[in-house]
Amino acid sequence: MVNASTVTISPDSPIIYENYWSGLQRGICSECQQPVVGLLAIAPFIRAAFIPTIVLGERFTAPKASAHIFYHRHLRPVVDDIPKINGFLKSELRAASIALSGVYGKTPNK
């Protein structure tokens, strides 16, 4: 998660946005159908951007994963020791916990 003001998205980018009730705008590439960016209004004049690590390329080292959120929508089982969070509300709460822990520099509880 980064401050959305630090993210530049070209107007020519083939991104289609879906708006959710939570204030999240999810950007999907219209060519490959993969998620590209998520934009979330946290408070007036404060917006966060969520960027999938695959979009950032090899120059960026992502933090270690702490949860598989929205696992109830998985296409294939994931075999690892990372907690799998099922259900919309539980996943939203875990995502908020992870995001806020990043803002305050703390590790989220497992």
N, C-alpha and C. Protein backbone atom coordinates (compact mmCIF):
# COMPACT_ATOMS: atom_id res chain seq x y z
N MET A 1 0.84 -1.17 0.00
CA MET A 1 0.00 0.00 0.00
C MET A 1 0.89 1.23 0.00
N VAL A 2 0.54 2.18 -0.86
CA VAL A 2 1.28 3.44 -0.94
C VAL A 2 0.29 4.59 -1.02
N ASN A 3 0.78 5.78 -0.79
CA ASN A 3 -0.06 6.96 -0.95
C ASN A 3 -0.39 7.10 -2.44
N ALA A 4 -1.67 7.23 -2.76
CA ALA A 4 -2.10 7.28 -4.16
C ALA A 4 -1.51 8.47 -4.90
N SER A 5 -1.15 9.52 -4.18
CA SER A 5 -0.58 10.70 -4.85
C SER A 5 0.80 10.41 -5.43
N THR A 6 1.42 9.31 -5.02
CA THR A 6 2.74 8.95 -5.54
C THR A 6 2.66 8.02 -6.75
N VAL A 7 1.44 7.66 -7.14
CA VAL A 7 1.23 6.72 -8.25
C VAL A 7 0.77 7.49 -9.48
N THR A 8 1.44 7.25 -10.60
CA THR A 8 1.05 7.87 -11.86
C THR A 8 0.51 6.80 -12.79
N ILE A 9 -0.72 7.01 -13.26
CA ILE A 9 -1.34 6.07 -14.19
C ILE A 9 -1.57 6.82 -15.49
N SER A 10 -0.99 6.31 -16.56
CA SER A 10 -1.12 6.95 -17.86
C SER A 10 -2.57 6.94 -18.32
N PRO A 11 -3.06 8.06 -18.86
CA PRO A 11 -4.44 8.09 -19.36
C PRO A 11 -4.66 7.10 -20.51
N ASP A 12 -3.59 6.67 -21.16
CA ASP A 12 -3.69 5.70 -22.26
C ASP A 12 -3.72 4.25 -21.78
N SER A 13 -3.56 4.04 -20.48
CA SER A 13 -3.53 2.67 -19.95
C SER A 13 -4.87 1.98 -20.18
N PRO A 14 -4.82 0.70 -20.56
CA PRO A 14 -6.07 -0.04 -20.82
C PRO A 14 -6.69 -0.57 -19.52
N ILE A 15 -7.01 0.33 -18.61
CA ILE A 15 -7.53 -0.06 -17.30
C ILE A 15 -9.03 0.24 -17.23
N ILE A 16 -9.78 -0.74 -16.77
CA ILE A 16 -11.21 -0.58 -16.53
C ILE A 16 -11.39 -0.59 -15.02
N TYR A 17 -12.10 0.39 -14.49
CA TYR A 17 -12.30 0.49 -13.05
C TYR A 17 -13.68 0.00 -12.65
N GLU A 18 -13.72 -0.76 -11.56
CA GLU A 18 -14.97 -1.17 -10.93
C GLU A 18 -15.03 -0.47 -9.58
N ASN A 19 -16.17 0.10 -9.26
CA ASN A 19 -16.35 0.79 -7.98
C ASN A 19 -17.12 -0.09 -7.01
N TYR A 20 -16.66 -0.14 -5.78
CA TYR A 20 -17.29 -0.94 -4.74
C TYR A 20 -17.85 -0.03 -3.66
N TRP A 21 -18.81 -0.53 -2.90
CA TRP A 21 -19.47 0.26 -1.86
C TRP A 21 -18.49 0.77 -0.81
N SER A 22 -17.39 0.07 -0.63
CA SER A 22 -16.42 0.44 0.40
C SER A 22 -15.58 1.65 0.00
N GLY A 23 -15.78 2.15 -1.22
CA GLY A 23 -14.97 3.26 -1.70
C GLY A 23 -13.78 2.80 -2.52
N LEU A 24 -13.64 1.50 -2.67
CA LEU A 24 -12.53 0.95 -3.44
C LEU A 24 -12.82 1.03 -4.93
N GLN A 25 -11.84 1.50 -5.69
CA GLN A 25 -11.88 1.43 -7.14
C GLN A 25 -10.85 0.39 -7.54
N ARG A 26 -11.30 -0.69 -8.16
CA ARG A 26 -10.39 -1.76 -8.56
C ARG A 26 -10.13 -1.63 -10.05
N GLY A 27 -8.86 -1.46 -10.41
CA GLY A 27 -8.47 -1.33 -11.80
C GLY A 27 -8.01 -2.65 -12.37
N ILE A 28 -8.67 -3.07 -13.47
CA ILE A 28 -8.35 -4.32 -14.15
C ILE A 28 -7.87 -3.99 -15.56
N CYS A 29 -6.83 -4.66 -16.01
CA CYS A 29 -6.34 -4.48 -17.37
C CYS A 29 -7.37 -5.07 -18.34
N SER A 30 -7.83 -4.26 -19.29
CA SER A 30 -8.84 -4.74 -20.24
C SER A 30 -8.26 -5.73 -21.25
N GLU A 31 -6.94 -5.81 -21.35
CA GLU A 31 -6.31 -6.72 -22.31
C GLU A 31 -6.05 -8.10 -21.71
N CYS A 32 -5.55 -8.15 -20.46
CA CYS A 32 -5.21 -9.45 -19.86
C CYS A 32 -6.14 -9.84 -18.71
N GLN A 33 -7.04 -8.94 -18.31
CA GLN A 33 -8.02 -9.18 -17.24
C GLN A 33 -7.38 -9.37 -15.87
N GLN A 34 -6.15 -8.92 -15.68
CA GLN A 34 -5.47 -9.04 -14.39
C GLN A 34 -5.61 -7.74 -13.59
N PRO A 35 -5.64 -7.83 -12.25
CA PRO A 35 -5.69 -6.61 -11.44
C PRO A 35 -4.41 -5.80 -11.62
N VAL A 36 -4.56 -4.49 -11.71
CA VAL A 36 -3.43 -3.61 -11.92
C VAL A 36 -3.25 -2.65 -10.75
N VAL A 37 -4.34 -2.14 -10.23
CA VAL A 37 -4.27 -1.17 -9.13
C VAL A 37 -5.61 -1.15 -8.40
N GLY A 38 -5.53 -0.87 -7.12
CA GLY A 38 -6.73 -0.61 -6.32
C GLY A 38 -6.55 0.75 -5.67
N LEU A 39 -7.57 1.58 -5.73
CA LEU A 39 -7.52 2.91 -5.14
C LEU A 39 -8.60 3.00 -4.07
N LEU A 40 -8.23 3.49 -2.89
CA LEU A 40 -9.16 3.53 -1.78
C LEU A 40 -9.09 4.88 -1.09
N ALA A 41 -10.25 5.53 -0.96
CA ALA A 41 -10.33 6.78 -0.21
C ALA A 41 -10.44 6.43 1.27
N ILE A 42 -9.40 6.74 2.03
CA ILE A 42 -9.37 6.43 3.46
C ILE A 42 -10.07 7.53 4.25
N ALA A 43 -9.84 8.76 3.85
CA ALA A 43 -10.44 9.94 4.48
C ALA A 43 -10.39 11.05 3.43
N PRO A 44 -11.08 12.18 3.68
CA PRO A 44 -10.99 13.26 2.70
C PRO A 44 -9.53 13.64 2.45
N PHE A 45 -9.17 13.69 1.21
CA PHE A 45 -7.83 14.05 0.75
C PHE A 45 -6.76 13.01 1.06
N ILE A 46 -7.16 11.82 1.52
CA ILE A 46 -6.20 10.74 1.76
C ILE A 46 -6.66 9.52 0.98
N ARG A 47 -5.85 9.14 -0.01
CA ARG A 47 -6.17 7.96 -0.82
C ARG A 47 -4.97 7.02 -0.82
N ALA A 48 -5.28 5.75 -0.75
CA ALA A 48 -4.23 4.72 -0.78
C ALA A 48 -4.31 3.99 -2.12
N ALA A 49 -3.17 3.50 -2.56
CA ALA A 49 -3.11 2.69 -3.77
C ALA A 49 -2.53 1.33 -3.41
N PHE A 50 -3.18 0.29 -3.90
CA PHE A 50 -2.71 -1.08 -3.72
C PHE A 50 -2.27 -1.56 -5.09
N ILE A 51 -1.01 -1.96 -5.19
CA ILE A 51 -0.45 -2.37 -6.48
C ILE A 51 0.06 -3.80 -6.36
N PRO A 52 -0.44 -4.71 -7.22
CA PRO A 52 0.06 -6.10 -7.17
C PRO A 52 1.56 -6.13 -7.44
N THR A 53 2.27 -6.97 -6.71
CA THR A 53 3.73 -7.02 -6.86
C THR A 53 4.16 -7.40 -8.26
N ILE A 54 3.36 -8.18 -8.98
CA ILE A 54 3.74 -8.57 -10.33
C ILE A 54 3.82 -7.35 -11.26
N VAL A 55 3.05 -6.32 -10.95
CA VAL A 55 3.06 -5.09 -11.75
C VAL A 55 4.33 -4.30 -11.50
N LEU A 56 4.88 -4.40 -10.31
CA LEU A 56 6.05 -3.61 -9.93
C LEU A 56 7.34 -4.13 -10.54
N GLY A 57 7.38 -5.38 -10.92
CA GLY A 57 8.57 -5.93 -11.55
C GLY A 57 9.62 -6.38 -10.55
N GLU A 58 10.78 -6.72 -11.07
CA GLU A 58 11.85 -7.30 -10.26
C GLU A 58 12.62 -6.28 -9.42
N ARG A 59 12.47 -5.00 -9.71
CA ARG A 59 13.23 -3.98 -8.96
C ARG A 59 12.66 -3.77 -7.56
N PHE A 60 11.47 -4.27 -7.32
CA PHE A 60 10.80 -4.06 -6.04
C PHE A 60 10.79 -5.35 -5.24
N THR A 61 11.15 -5.27 -3.98
CA THR A 61 11.07 -6.42 -3.09
C THR A 61 9.83 -6.27 -2.22
N ALA A 62 8.90 -7.16 -2.39
CA ALA A 62 7.64 -7.09 -1.65
C ALA A 62 7.81 -7.64 -0.24
N PRO A 63 7.02 -7.13 0.69
CA PRO A 63 7.05 -7.72 2.03
C PRO A 63 6.49 -9.14 2.00
N LYS A 64 6.84 -9.92 2.98
CA LYS A 64 6.36 -11.30 3.06
C LYS A 64 4.84 -11.31 3.24
N ALA A 65 4.17 -12.21 2.55
CA ALA A 65 2.71 -12.32 2.65
C ALA A 65 2.31 -12.72 4.07
N SER A 66 1.20 -12.14 4.55
CA SER A 66 0.74 -12.47 5.90
C SER A 66 -0.63 -13.13 5.92
N ALA A 67 -1.34 -13.15 4.77
CA ALA A 67 -2.66 -13.79 4.72
C ALA A 67 -3.10 -13.93 3.27
N HIS A 68 -3.89 -14.95 3.02
CA HIS A 68 -4.59 -15.10 1.74
C HIS A 68 -6.01 -14.61 2.00
N ILE A 69 -6.31 -13.36 1.62
CA ILE A 69 -7.65 -12.83 1.87
C ILE A 69 -8.57 -13.22 0.72
N PHE A 70 -9.87 -13.22 0.98
CA PHE A 70 -10.90 -13.63 0.01
C PHE A 70 -10.62 -15.04 -0.51
N TYR A 71 -10.13 -15.89 0.38
CA TYR A 71 -9.76 -17.26 -0.03
C TYR A 71 -10.97 -18.06 -0.49
N HIS A 72 -12.16 -17.66 -0.08
CA HIS A 72 -13.37 -18.36 -0.52
C HIS A 72 -13.57 -18.25 -2.03
N ARG A 73 -12.84 -17.36 -2.68
CA ARG A 73 -12.93 -17.20 -4.13
C ARG A 73 -11.75 -17.85 -4.87
N HIS A 74 -10.95 -18.62 -4.17
CA HIS A 74 -9.76 -19.19 -4.81
C HIS A 74 -10.15 -20.13 -5.95
N LEU A 75 -9.28 -20.17 -6.96
CA LEU A 75 -9.48 -21.06 -8.10
C LEU A 75 -8.78 -22.39 -7.89
N ARG A 76 -7.64 -22.33 -7.20
CA ARG A 76 -6.88 -23.54 -6.88
C ARG A 76 -6.45 -23.45 -5.43
N PRO A 77 -6.42 -24.57 -4.74
CA PRO A 77 -5.95 -24.53 -3.35
C PRO A 77 -4.50 -24.05 -3.26
N VAL A 78 -4.20 -23.32 -2.22
CA VAL A 78 -2.84 -22.86 -1.96
C VAL A 78 -2.31 -23.66 -0.79
N VAL A 79 -1.16 -24.29 -1.00
CA VAL A 79 -0.57 -25.11 0.06
C VAL A 79 0.62 -24.37 0.64
N ASP A 80 0.39 -23.73 1.77
CA ASP A 80 1.45 -23.06 2.51
C ASP A 80 0.96 -22.83 3.94
N ASP A 81 1.80 -22.22 4.75
CA ASP A 81 1.46 -22.01 6.16
C ASP A 81 0.81 -20.65 6.42
N ILE A 82 0.53 -19.89 5.37
CA ILE A 82 -0.07 -18.57 5.53
C ILE A 82 -1.56 -18.74 5.78
N PRO A 83 -2.12 -18.00 6.75
CA PRO A 83 -3.55 -18.14 7.05
C PRO A 83 -4.43 -17.83 5.83
N LYS A 84 -5.47 -18.65 5.66
CA LYS A 84 -6.44 -18.45 4.59
C LYS A 84 -7.69 -17.83 5.22
N ILE A 85 -8.08 -16.66 4.74
CA ILE A 85 -9.22 -15.94 5.30
C ILE A 85 -10.41 -16.09 4.36
N ASN A 86 -11.46 -16.75 4.84
CA ASN A 86 -12.68 -16.96 4.06
C ASN A 86 -13.74 -15.95 4.47
N GLY A 87 -14.56 -15.55 3.50
CA GLY A 87 -15.67 -14.65 3.78
C GLY A 87 -15.31 -13.20 3.50
N PHE A 88 -16.30 -12.47 2.99
CA PHE A 88 -16.08 -11.08 2.59
C PHE A 88 -15.70 -10.20 3.78
N LEU A 89 -16.52 -10.22 4.83
CA LEU A 89 -16.28 -9.32 5.95
C LEU A 89 -14.96 -9.64 6.66
N LYS A 90 -14.68 -10.91 6.90
CA LYS A 90 -13.42 -11.28 7.54
C LYS A 90 -12.23 -10.85 6.69
N SER A 91 -12.36 -11.00 5.37
CA SER A 91 -11.28 -10.60 4.47
C SER A 91 -11.09 -9.09 4.47
N GLU A 92 -12.20 -8.35 4.46
CA GLU A 92 -12.12 -6.88 4.50
C GLU A 92 -11.45 -6.42 5.80
N LEU A 93 -11.84 -7.03 6.91
CA LEU A 93 -11.25 -6.65 8.19
C LEU A 93 -9.76 -6.98 8.23
N ARG A 94 -9.39 -8.12 7.69
CA ARG A 94 -7.96 -8.50 7.67
C ARG A 94 -7.18 -7.56 6.77
N ALA A 95 -7.75 -7.21 5.62
CA ALA A 95 -7.08 -6.28 4.71
C ALA A 95 -6.89 -4.93 5.38
N ALA A 96 -7.90 -4.46 6.10
CA ALA A 96 -7.78 -3.18 6.82
C ALA A 96 -6.69 -3.27 7.89
N SER A 97 -6.64 -4.39 8.58
CA SER A 97 -5.62 -4.60 9.61
C SER A 97 -4.22 -4.57 9.00
N ILE A 98 -4.07 -5.24 7.87
CA ILE A 98 -2.77 -5.28 7.19
C ILE A 98 -2.38 -3.88 6.72
N ALA A 99 -3.34 -3.17 6.12
CA ALA A 99 -3.06 -1.82 5.61
C ALA A 99 -2.69 -0.87 6.74
N LEU A 100 -3.45 -0.90 7.82
CA LEU A 100 -3.16 -0.01 8.94
C LEU A 100 -1.84 -0.36 9.61
N SER A 101 -1.52 -1.64 9.66
CA SER A 101 -0.23 -2.02 10.26
C SER A 101 0.92 -1.49 9.41
N GLY A 102 0.72 -1.43 8.10
CA GLY A 102 1.74 -0.87 7.22
C GLY A 102 1.93 0.62 7.45
N VAL A 103 0.83 1.32 7.71
CA VAL A 103 0.90 2.75 7.97
C VAL A 103 1.68 3.02 9.25
N TYR A 104 1.47 2.18 10.25
CA TYR A 104 2.13 2.37 11.54
C TYR A 104 3.41 1.57 11.70
N GLY A 105 3.81 0.84 10.66
CA GLY A 105 5.07 0.11 10.70
C GLY A 105 5.08 -1.09 11.61
N LYS A 106 3.92 -1.69 11.83
CA LYS A 106 3.84 -2.87 12.70
C LYS A 106 3.51 -4.10 11.87
N THR A 107 3.82 -5.25 12.42
CA THR A 107 3.49 -6.51 11.77
C THR A 107 2.09 -6.92 12.20
N PRO A 108 1.19 -7.26 11.23
CA PRO A 108 -0.16 -7.67 11.61
C PRO A 108 -0.16 -8.98 12.37
N ASN A 109 -1.12 -9.13 13.28
CA ASN A 109 -1.27 -10.38 14.03
C ASN A 109 -1.78 -11.46 13.11
N LYS A 110 -1.31 -12.68 13.32
CA LYS A 110 -1.77 -13.80 12.49
C LYS A 110 -3.01 -14.41 13.05
